[in-house]
């Protein structure tokens, strides 16, 4: 079912044409999206998502992959901690 990334579904899967992007603007809660430079999921897509929600923040992990909490720990944990500490 999954194609080249989480947003590139291929094949005859039931969810292939299911698109929830227009619903992102409805999210009012604080949302943190995280993009790792070496992830198969494009960091620019994660940044875009953070701008679509009402209270979105984006964290870029320049040394990270899909497991940025392991391979870019300093950026990841500083960013997550900063996001949490900034919550009302």
Protein backbone atom coordinates (compact mmCIF):
# COMPACT_ATOMS: atom_id res chain seq x y z
CA UNK A 1 0.00 0.00 0.00
CA UNK A 2 2.63 2.54 0.96
CA UNK A 3 4.65 4.06 -1.84
CA UNK A 4 7.80 6.18 -1.72
CA UNK A 5 6.64 7.98 1.45
CA UNK A 6 3.72 8.21 3.85
CA UNK A 7 2.07 10.57 1.38
CA UNK A 8 2.82 8.54 -1.74
CA UNK A 9 0.40 5.63 -1.52
CA UNK A 10 0.33 3.35 -4.56
CA UNK A 11 -1.58 0.29 -5.71
CA UNK A 12 -5.22 -0.65 -5.28
CA UNK A 13 -5.38 0.10 -1.56
CA UNK A 14 -8.69 1.30 -0.16
CA UNK A 15 -7.00 4.33 1.37
CA UNK A 16 -5.17 5.36 -1.80
CA UNK A 17 -7.50 8.27 -2.56
CA UNK A 18 -8.31 9.21 1.05
CA UNK A 19 -7.11 12.79 1.48
CA UNK A 20 -7.42 14.65 4.79
CA UNK A 21 -5.21 17.66 3.94
CA UNK A 22 -8.14 20.09 3.88
CA UNK A 23 -9.02 19.10 7.45
CA UNK A 24 -5.67 20.24 8.84
CA UNK A 25 -6.90 23.85 9.08
CA UNK A 26 -9.57 22.67 11.52
CA UNK A 27 -7.00 21.63 14.14
CA UNK A 28 -6.93 24.21 16.92
CA UNK A 29 -4.69 22.39 19.39
CA UNK A 30 -0.93 23.03 19.37
CA UNK A 31 0.75 20.68 16.88
CA UNK A 32 4.45 20.01 16.46
CA UNK A 33 5.60 18.46 13.21
CA UNK A 34 9.17 17.20 13.01
CA UNK A 35 11.19 16.79 9.84
CA UNK A 36 14.45 14.89 9.69
CA UNK A 37 16.77 15.90 6.85
CA UNK A 38 17.45 12.28 5.93
CA UNK A 39 13.91 10.95 6.40
CA UNK A 40 12.02 9.29 3.57
CA UNK A 41 9.19 11.65 4.49
CA UNK A 42 10.09 15.01 2.97
CA UNK A 43 10.89 17.59 5.70
CA UNK A 44 9.34 20.29 3.50
CA UNK A 45 6.04 18.38 3.66
CA UNK A 46 6.24 18.35 7.46
CA UNK A 47 6.92 22.08 7.47
CA UNK A 48 3.94 22.64 5.16
CA UNK A 49 1.73 20.66 7.54
CA UNK A 50 2.81 22.85 10.46
CA UNK A 51 1.63 25.90 8.54
CA UNK A 52 -1.74 24.37 7.69
CA UNK A 53 -2.89 23.83 11.30
CA UNK A 54 -3.95 26.82 13.38
CA UNK A 55 -1.29 26.49 16.10
CA UNK A 56 1.43 24.62 14.31
CA UNK A 57 5.15 24.57 14.96
CA UNK A 58 7.87 22.96 12.90
CA UNK A 59 11.08 21.38 14.15
CA UNK A 60 13.79 20.61 11.61
CA UNK A 61 16.41 18.02 12.61
CA UNK A 62 19.33 18.56 10.21
CA UNK A 63 21.11 15.36 11.28
CA UNK A 64 17.95 13.31 11.68
CA UNK A 65 16.20 10.57 9.81
CA UNK A 66 12.84 8.97 10.58
CA UNK A 67 14.33 8.28 14.02
CA UNK A 68 15.57 11.78 14.83
CA UNK A 69 15.15 11.05 18.54
CA UNK A 70 18.14 8.71 18.11
CA UNK A 71 20.33 10.21 15.39
CA UNK A 72 19.78 13.92 16.10
CA UNK A 73 19.06 13.83 19.82
CA UNK A 74 20.23 17.32 20.71
CA UNK A 75 18.04 19.09 18.15
CA UNK A 76 15.13 16.74 18.65
CA UNK A 77 14.91 16.90 22.45
CA UNK A 78 15.67 20.62 22.66
CA UNK A 79 12.90 21.25 20.12
CA UNK A 80 10.35 18.96 21.77
CA UNK A 81 11.14 20.33 25.23
CA UNK A 82 10.88 23.91 23.95
CA UNK A 83 7.53 23.14 22.33
CA UNK A 84 6.16 21.58 25.51
CA UNK A 85 7.45 24.37 27.73
CA UNK A 86 5.82 26.99 25.48
CA UNK A 87 2.37 25.43 25.82
CA UNK A 88 -0.12 27.53 27.77
